[in-house]
Amino acid sequence: FTISRDNAKNTVYLQMNSLEPEDT
C-alpha cells in the first residue's frame, strides 16, 4: 500500500496493490 496526498485537491489517496482476501 502507498498513501499520498494532494492538498490542492483536498484529497488523500491509498493505492493498494497485490490485494489479498485478508484485506477485505
PDB file of all heavy atoms in Angstrom:
ATOM      1  N   PHE A   1       0.844  -1.196   0.000  1.00  0.00           N
ATOM      2  CA  PHE A   1       0.000   0.000   0.000  1.00  0.00           C
ATOM      3  C   PHE A   1       0.878   1.244   0.000  1.00  0.00           C
ATOM      4  O   PHE A   1       1.961   1.261   0.597  1.00  0.00           O
ATOM      5  CB  PHE A   1      -0.895   0.036   1.235  1.00  0.00           C
ATOM      6  CG  PHE A   1      -1.998  -1.003   1.273  1.00  0.00           C
ATOM      7  CD1 PHE A   1      -2.031  -2.068   0.376  1.00  0.00           C
ATOM      8  CD2 PHE A   1      -3.002  -0.912   2.221  1.00  0.00           C
ATOM      9  CE1 PHE A   1      -3.040  -3.010   0.415  1.00  0.00           C
ATOM     10  CE2 PHE A   1      -4.022  -1.839   2.276  1.00  0.00           C
ATOM     11  CZ  PHE A   1      -4.035  -2.895   1.375  1.00  0.00           C
ATOM     12  N   THR A   2       0.372   2.283  -0.642  1.00  0.00           N
ATOM     13  CA  THR A   2       1.057   3.571  -0.656  1.00  0.00           C
ATOM     14  C   THR A   2       0.049   4.683  -0.398  1.00  0.00           C
ATOM     15  O   THR A   2      -0.959   4.784  -1.105  1.00  0.00           O
ATOM     16  CB  THR A   2       1.760   3.819  -2.003  1.00  0.00           C
ATOM     17  OG1 THR A   2       2.681   2.756  -2.268  1.00  0.00           O
ATOM     18  CG2 THR A   2       2.517   5.143  -1.973  1.00  0.00           C
ATOM     19  N   ILE A   3       0.342   5.504   0.596  1.00  0.00           N
ATOM     20  CA  ILE A   3      -0.514   6.638   0.905  1.00  0.00           C
ATOM     21  C   ILE A   3       0.103   7.902   0.309  1.00  0.00           C
ATOM     22  O   ILE A   3       1.334   8.051   0.278  1.00  0.00           O
ATOM     23  CB  ILE A   3      -0.722   6.786   2.428  1.00  0.00           C
ATOM     24  CG1 ILE A   3      -1.837   7.774   2.740  1.00  0.00           C
ATOM     25  CG2 ILE A   3       0.577   7.147   3.128  1.00  0.00           C
ATOM     26  CD1 ILE A   3      -2.231   7.782   4.221  1.00  0.00           C
ATOM     27  N   SER A   4      -0.744   8.791  -0.179  1.00  0.00           N
ATOM     28  CA  SER A   4      -0.261  10.056  -0.731  1.00  0.00           C
ATOM     29  C   SER A   4      -1.360  11.093  -0.564  1.00  0.00           C
ATOM     30  O   SER A   4      -2.502  10.753  -0.242  1.00  0.00           O
ATOM     31  CB  SER A   4       0.120   9.899  -2.203  1.00  0.00           C
ATOM     32  OG  SER A   4      -1.014   9.523  -2.980  1.00  0.00           O
ATOM     33  N   ARG A   5      -0.995  12.339  -0.779  1.00  0.00           N
ATOM     34  CA  ARG A   5      -1.989  13.385  -0.645  1.00  0.00           C
ATOM     35  C   ARG A   5      -1.754  14.456  -1.680  1.00  0.00           C
ATOM     36  O   ARG A   5      -0.616  14.716  -2.091  1.00  0.00           O
ATOM     37  CB  ARG A   5      -2.002  13.972   0.760  1.00  0.00           C
ATOM     38  CG  ARG A   5      -0.759  14.712   1.182  1.00  0.00           C
ATOM     39  CD  ARG A   5      -0.800  15.005   2.691  1.00  0.00           C
ATOM     40  NE  ARG A   5      -1.958  15.816   3.068  1.00  0.00           N
ATOM     41  CZ  ARG A   5      -2.464  15.854   4.297  1.00  0.00           C
ATOM     42  NH1 ARG A   5      -1.926  15.124   5.262  1.00  0.00           N
ATOM     43  NH2 ARG A   5      -3.500  16.625   4.574  1.00  0.00           N
ATOM     44  N   ASP A   6      -2.845  15.099  -2.067  1.00  0.00           N
ATOM     45  CA  ASP A   6      -2.808  16.236  -2.969  1.00  0.00           C
ATOM     46  C   ASP A   6      -3.612  17.333  -2.286  1.00  0.00           C
ATOM     47  O   ASP A   6      -4.844  17.372  -2.388  1.00  0.00           O
ATOM     48  CB  ASP A   6      -3.406  15.869  -4.330  1.00  0.00           C
ATOM     49  CG  ASP A   6      -3.280  16.981  -5.349  1.00  0.00           C
ATOM     50  OD1 ASP A   6      -3.053  18.150  -4.953  1.00  0.00           O
ATOM     51  OD2 ASP A   6      -3.423  16.707  -6.544  1.00  0.00           O
ATOM     52  N   ASN A   7      -2.926  18.185  -1.559  1.00  0.00           N
ATOM     53  CA  ASN A   7      -3.636  19.205  -0.788  1.00  0.00           C
ATOM     54  C   ASN A   7      -4.382  20.189  -1.689  1.00  0.00           C
ATOM     55  O   ASN A   7      -5.394  20.762  -1.281  1.00  0.00           O
ATOM     56  CB  ASN A   7      -2.668  19.941   0.127  1.00  0.00           C
ATOM     57  CG  ASN A   7      -2.269  19.095   1.333  1.00  0.00           C
ATOM     58  OD1 ASN A   7      -2.878  18.064   1.634  1.00  0.00           O
ATOM     59  ND2 ASN A   7      -1.236  19.523   2.036  1.00  0.00           N
ATOM     60  N   ALA A   8      -3.903  20.386  -2.888  1.00  0.00           N
ATOM     61  CA  ALA A   8      -4.601  21.272  -3.823  1.00  0.00           C
ATOM     62  C   ALA A   8      -5.982  20.729  -4.175  1.00  0.00           C
ATOM     63  O   ALA A   8      -6.913  21.483  -4.455  1.00  0.00           O
ATOM     64  CB  ALA A   8      -3.773  21.459  -5.082  1.00  0.00           C
ATOM     65  N   LYS A   9      -6.098  19.382  -4.141  1.00  0.00           N
ATOM     66  CA  LYS A   9      -7.388  18.742  -4.431  1.00  0.00           C
ATOM     67  C   LYS A   9      -8.115  18.351  -3.149  1.00  0.00           C
ATOM     68  O   LYS A   9      -9.191  17.746  -3.207  1.00  0.00           O
ATOM     69  CB  LYS A   9      -7.177  17.503  -5.304  1.00  0.00           C
ATOM     70  CG  LYS A   9      -6.650  17.820  -6.692  1.00  0.00           C
ATOM     71  CD  LYS A   9      -6.551  16.559  -7.548  1.00  0.00           C
ATOM     72  CE  LYS A   9      -6.067  16.900  -8.950  1.00  0.00           C
ATOM     73  NZ  LYS A   9      -5.943  15.693  -9.797  1.00  0.00           N
ATOM     74  N   ASN A  10      -7.499  18.686  -2.005  1.00  0.00           N
ATOM     75  CA  ASN A  10      -8.113  18.363  -0.725  1.00  0.00           C
ATOM     76  C   ASN A  10      -8.416  16.871  -0.593  1.00  0.00           C
ATOM     77  O   ASN A  10      -9.451  16.479  -0.049  1.00  0.00           O
ATOM     78  CB  ASN A  10      -9.408  19.175  -0.537  1.00  0.00           C
ATOM     79  CG  ASN A  10      -9.553  19.709   0.870  1.00  0.00           C
ATOM     80  OD1 ASN A  10      -8.587  19.837   1.612  1.00  0.00           O
ATOM     81  ND2 ASN A  10     -10.777  20.022   1.245  1.00  0.00           N
ATOM     82  N   THR A  11      -7.495  16.066  -1.090  1.00  0.00           N
ATOM     83  CA  THR A  11      -7.720  14.631  -1.197  1.00  0.00           C
ATOM     84  C   THR A  11      -6.486  13.850  -0.767  1.00  0.00           C
ATOM     85  O   THR A  11      -5.354  14.263  -1.046  1.00  0.00           O
ATOM     86  CB  THR A  11      -8.101  14.255  -2.643  1.00  0.00           C
ATOM     87  OG1 THR A  11      -9.300  14.948  -3.010  1.00  0.00           O
ATOM     88  CG2 THR A  11      -8.344  12.760  -2.781  1.00  0.00           C
ATOM     89  N   VAL A  12      -6.740  12.734  -0.105  1.00  0.00           N
ATOM     90  CA  VAL A  12      -5.699  11.781   0.252  1.00  0.00           C
ATOM     91  C   VAL A  12      -6.030  10.461  -0.425  1.00  0.00           C
ATOM     92  O   VAL A  12      -7.203  10.084  -0.518  1.00  0.00           O
ATOM     93  CB  VAL A  12      -5.605  11.606   1.776  1.00  0.00           C
ATOM     94  CG1 VAL A  12      -4.643  10.490   2.147  1.00  0.00           C
ATOM     95  CG2 VAL A  12      -5.187  12.915   2.427  1.00  0.00           C
ATOM     96  N   TYR A  13      -5.003   9.768  -0.883  1.00  0.00           N
ATOM     97  CA  TYR A  13      -5.191   8.526  -1.620  1.00  0.00           C
ATOM     98  C   TYR A  13      -4.542   7.356  -0.882  1.00  0.00           C
ATOM     99  O   TYR A  13      -3.579   7.534  -0.137  1.00  0.00           O
ATOM    100  CB  TYR A  13      -4.558   8.640  -3.008  1.00  0.00           C
ATOM    101  CG  TYR A  13      -5.059   9.800  -3.820  1.00  0.00           C
ATOM    102  CD1 TYR A  13      -4.333  10.987  -3.904  1.00  0.00           C
ATOM    103  CD2 TYR A  13      -6.264   9.712  -4.507  1.00  0.00           C
ATOM    104  CE1 TYR A  13      -4.795  12.059  -4.634  1.00  0.00           C
ATOM    105  CE2 TYR A  13      -6.732  10.781  -5.259  1.00  0.00           C
ATOM    106  CZ  TYR A  13      -5.991  11.952  -5.316  1.00  0.00           C
ATOM    107  OH  TYR A  13      -6.453  13.012  -6.049  1.00  0.00           O
ATOM    108  N   LEU A  14      -5.075   6.190  -1.131  1.00  0.00           N
ATOM    109  CA  LEU A  14      -4.450   4.952  -0.669  1.00  0.00           C
ATOM    110  C   LEU A  14      -4.397   4.006  -1.861  1.00  0.00           C
ATOM    111  O   LEU A  14      -5.434   3.465  -2.276  1.00  0.00           O
ATOM    112  CB  LEU A  14      -5.220   4.322   0.487  1.00  0.00           C
ATOM    113  CG  LEU A  14      -4.546   3.100   1.110  1.00  0.00           C
ATOM    114  CD1 LEU A  14      -3.260   3.518   1.837  1.00  0.00           C
ATOM    115  CD2 LEU A  14      -5.488   2.396   2.086  1.00  0.00           C
ATOM    116  N   GLN A  15      -3.211   3.837  -2.408  1.00  0.00           N
ATOM    117  CA  GLN A  15      -3.010   2.904  -3.514  1.00  0.00           C
ATOM    118  C   GLN A  15      -2.745   1.536  -2.923  1.00  0.00           C
ATOM    119  O   GLN A  15      -1.811   1.370  -2.124  1.00  0.00           O
ATOM    120  CB  GLN A  15      -1.830   3.335  -4.384  1.00  0.00           C
ATOM    121  CG  GLN A  15      -1.497   2.381  -5.517  1.00  0.00           C
ATOM    122  CD  GLN A  15      -2.590   2.340  -6.577  1.00  0.00           C
ATOM    123  OE1 GLN A  15      -3.129   3.369  -6.966  1.00  0.00           O
ATOM    124  NE2 GLN A  15      -2.906   1.138  -7.053  1.00  0.00           N
ATOM    125  N   MET A  16      -3.566   0.568  -3.305  1.00  0.00           N
ATOM    126  CA  MET A  16      -3.454  -0.774  -2.741  1.00  0.00           C
ATOM    127  C   MET A  16      -3.137  -1.756  -3.855  1.00  0.00           C
ATOM    128  O   MET A  16      -3.926  -1.905  -4.793  1.00  0.00           O
ATOM    129  CB  MET A  16      -4.769  -1.151  -2.044  1.00  0.00           C
ATOM    130  CG  MET A  16      -5.218  -0.151  -0.999  1.00  0.00           C
ATOM    131  SD  MET A  16      -6.655  -0.699  -0.061  1.00  0.00           S
ATOM    132  CE  MET A  16      -7.875  -0.804  -1.352  1.00  0.00           C
ATOM    133  N   ASN A  17      -2.007  -2.393  -3.760  1.00  0.00           N
ATOM    134  CA  ASN A  17      -1.573  -3.374  -4.762  1.00  0.00           C
ATOM    135  C   ASN A  17      -1.474  -4.755  -4.121  1.00  0.00           C
ATOM    136  O   ASN A  17      -1.428  -4.890  -2.899  1.00  0.00           O
ATOM    137  CB  ASN A  17      -0.225  -2.966  -5.341  1.00  0.00           C
ATOM    138  CG  ASN A  17      -0.268  -1.632  -6.054  1.00  0.00           C
ATOM    139  OD1 ASN A  17      -1.293  -1.238  -6.629  1.00  0.00           O
ATOM    140  ND2 ASN A  17       0.844  -0.914  -6.025  1.00  0.00           N
ATOM    141  N   SER A  18      -1.403  -5.757  -4.975  1.00  0.00           N
ATOM    142  CA  SER A  18      -1.249  -7.149  -4.513  1.00  0.00           C
ATOM    143  C   SER A  18      -2.245  -7.482  -3.415  1.00  0.00           C
ATOM    144  O   SER A  18      -1.889  -8.041  -2.371  1.00  0.00           O
ATOM    145  CB  SER A  18       0.186  -7.378  -4.016  1.00  0.00           C
ATOM    146  OG  SER A  18       1.125  -7.085  -5.025  1.00  0.00           O
ATOM    147  N   LEU A  19      -3.486  -7.134  -3.659  1.00  0.00           N
ATOM    148  CA  LEU A  19      -4.510  -7.327  -2.633  1.00  0.00           C
ATOM    149  C   LEU A  19      -4.748  -8.797  -2.346  1.00  0.00           C
ATOM    150  O   LEU A  19      -4.686  -9.646  -3.245  1.00  0.00           O
ATOM    151  CB  LEU A  19      -5.803  -6.635  -3.059  1.00  0.00           C
ATOM    152  CG  LEU A  19      -5.776  -5.119  -2.866  1.00  0.00           C
ATOM    153  CD1 LEU A  19      -6.838  -4.432  -3.696  1.00  0.00           C
ATOM    154  CD2 LEU A  19      -5.934  -4.772  -1.398  1.00  0.00           C
ATOM    155  N   GLU A  20      -5.038  -9.062  -1.099  1.00  0.00           N
ATOM    156  CA  GLU A  20      -5.252 -10.425  -0.606  1.00  0.00           C
ATOM    157  C   GLU A  20      -6.632 -10.512   0.023  1.00  0.00           C
ATOM    158  O   GLU A  20      -7.196  -9.485   0.436  1.00  0.00           O
ATOM    159  CB  GLU A  20      -4.177 -10.753   0.442  1.00  0.00           C
ATOM    160  CG  GLU A  20      -2.751 -10.565  -0.039  1.00  0.00           C
ATOM    161  CD  GLU A  20      -1.749 -10.561   1.113  1.00  0.00           C
ATOM    162  OE1 GLU A  20      -2.179 -10.528   2.285  1.00  0.00           O
ATOM    163  OE2 GLU A  20      -0.532 -10.585   0.815  1.00  0.00           O
ATOM    164  N   PRO A  21      -7.190 -11.711   0.120  1.00  0.00           N
ATOM    165  CA  PRO A  21      -8.500 -11.841   0.777  1.00  0.00           C
ATOM    166  C   PRO A  21      -8.508 -11.251   2.182  1.00  0.00           C
ATOM    167  O   PRO A  21      -9.541 -10.743   2.628  1.00  0.00           O
ATOM    168  CB  PRO A  21      -8.721 -13.360   0.793  1.00  0.00           C
ATOM    169  CG  PRO A  21      -7.959 -13.856  -0.394  1.00  0.00           C
ATOM    170  CD  PRO A  21      -6.753 -12.988  -0.478  1.00  0.00           C
ATOM    171  N   GLU A  22      -7.377 -11.295   2.855  1.00  0.00           N
ATOM    172  CA  GLU A  22      -7.286 -10.746   4.207  1.00  0.00           C
ATOM    173  C   GLU A  22      -7.413  -9.222   4.233  1.00  0.00           C
ATOM    174  O   GLU A  22      -7.567  -8.632   5.299  1.00  0.00           O
ATOM    175  CB  GLU A  22      -5.962 -11.139   4.854  1.00  0.00           C
ATOM    176  CG  GLU A  22      -5.795 -12.636   5.136  1.00  0.00           C
ATOM    177  CD  GLU A  22      -5.574 -13.473   3.896  1.00  0.00           C
ATOM    178  OE1 GLU A  22      -5.085 -12.921   2.875  1.00  0.00           O
ATOM    179  OE2 GLU A  22      -5.874 -14.684   3.919  1.00  0.00           O
ATOM    180  N   ASP A  23      -7.333  -8.587   3.102  1.00  0.00           N
ATOM    181  CA  ASP A  23      -7.509  -7.135   3.023  1.00  0.00           C
ATOM    182  C   ASP A  23      -8.980  -6.738   2.942  1.00  0.00           C
ATOM    183  O   ASP A  23      -9.303  -5.546   2.969  1.00  0.00           O
ATOM    184  CB  ASP A  23      -6.780  -6.573   1.793  1.00  0.00           C
ATOM    185  CG  ASP A  23      -5.279  -6.762   1.875  1.00  0.00           C
ATOM    186  OD1 ASP A  23      -4.708  -6.500   2.950  1.00  0.00           O
ATOM    187  OD2 ASP A  23      -4.681  -7.173   0.858  1.00  0.00           O
ATOM    188  N   THR A  24      -9.859  -7.697   2.846  1.00  0.00           N
ATOM    189  CA  THR A  24     -11.290  -7.409   2.776  1.00  0.00           C
ATOM    190  C   THR A  24     -11.765  -6.719   4.046  1.00  0.00           C
ATOM    191  O   THR A  24     -11.549  -7.222   5.153  1.00  0.00           O
ATOM    192  CB  THR A  24     -12.090  -8.712   2.576  1.00  0.00           C
ATOM    193  OG1 THR A  24     -11.755  -9.276   1.303  1.00  0.00           O
ATOM    194  CG2 THR A  24     -13.583  -8.453   2.640  1.00  0.00           C
TER     195      THR A  24
END
